[in-house]
């Protein structure tokens, strides 16, 4: 066998199953072959490609798929589970050697060899009849015929030897199939047949995989309401996430509801949090928001977020707060090991930013913007993924957001947790008790998702007010421009840019804060000159260049000018020399 038919079959299979292998592009299952699988496998070539086909033949096609740059997934009966360490996929591959041994009896004669055996079998009686004659009675025709039959016997013997040799080779190949290198090669070749793009997994953003079935959120026909229904787990759903929680529409969670009411007495905020976490249960990202649960210790926010994240399991992940805050910036070629778990995640949490830490605003915008981002494991290639997650941050200290534009602030929702549980009322066993109500909490979450689908987030006024206050306190440059400057809009009033920069640094030092760098201040003032209006007068200031680069329509107040004089050790006459051009 030269493998020609095997290659033809592979191409035929590629056409039938699509460019992505069996699950990579096809809707139809492979055609059924009525023969025993060992007979089919006996025809595969004795090389790594043939072993890859055998891996699929003996269960690998139904039980595994390969996502390029992510890894092998194994079907558990409920979910396509990522096999990061290849433990389960290698266990499947290790069984192939034994199945190859079972193929040996099916290693068959070629058509030419079968014809040779049949030809010899057909003349055996004729040869026996001739040999029954005495040698002296055999004619020359008999002798010629015996010579012809001898040639047929030689061809039949060669056919039997060739079959025996192939079966020995098959046996030896079966023994070698268990070698580590052979298993590696087998899986490499098999991966091509079951390669599945990452975007084929978890396609439905309104499907939630639970321990008892796949829950789908669907609209009620002719209504603005939504409902859910449950389907049995199936491989064809292509779901790689699961919650270790049963879907039980009759389940209740009285303790959980009491707990939420205790830590959030405000009904509007409780309803908002239910909608937010219900929204986080889906793969929708249209809101482009993040929630910052803010409050001092012993207020229940961490317990609430922990139990929901634990329930969501595969659908939730945690990133270090250092990913989102601080001054360290990644290079474009750097690996992103802290982000490798976000593909398919619907809830991402981070906690406890340190006081004074700066938010990495560009990264947060990218993560919450709904556009594809690049992530990379160590020593691997980049993978492009589209975020599906909603970001929930919790902590006592608010990260510093220096950008004054709406690009970042329209994403932020600060939810105050203002209650504090007294020490003598802290229940250390509460997380375990809440976990016992997980089926009921899932119903609470699904109810929040259905409410969100009907009404949206419906952000409470108290959350908007708290966020506005956060923005006000996070924007020291705006406060400086309003408190230490006079914004008149008068084009005759000109202040050099360097004066504004240094006056802002002096203002920060006076407040006991670490001053920003001059370059950053210059960039931020320039940005404000294009968008900022005085809240009372509506006046603006604009960038201009006279003898120096500066701004028209703005001047330092007398107090701010005095601070700047002091910082520069300049006499009081400096104030009278401000440019009025």
Foldseek 3Di string as FASTA:
>chain_A
DPCPVVVVVVVVQCVQCDQQAVLARHPDHDDDDPDDLLLVLLPFDLDLLSLLVLLCSVPCVVFWAAAPQQGIFGDPQFARAGPPVCPVVLVSQLCSLVSLLVSLVSNDFDPVLVVLQVVLVVCPVVLVVQVVDDPVPHDPVSVVVVVVSVVSVVSNVVRVVVSVVSSVVSNVSSVCCNDPVSSVSSNVSNNSNRHHYLCQAPVFQQWAGEPAFIKGWACDPPDLFIDIDGDHRDVSNRYHFYFDADADLPFAQVVVVVLLCQQPVDPLVSLLVLLVLLLLSGLDQVQLAAEEEEDDPQSCPCLVVVLSQNRRPLQEDEAEVVVFWADDDDDPPDADQRCSSQANHSEYEYEADDAAIATPQVVSLQQRVQAWDWHHDPPTDIDIGGGRYHYYYYHHHDHQYAALDVSRLSRYWYDYRYDHDDPVRDDPCVSVVSNVSSNNVVSSNNVSNRCCSSPNSCRDPVRVVVSVVVSVVSHLLVVCQQPFKQQALAQQAKAALVLSLLLSCLVQVVVVHHRDDSVVSSVRVQVCQVPPAHPPPRGGKHWDADPHTTIGRMDTDPVSVVSSCVVVVHDPCVVVVRGRD
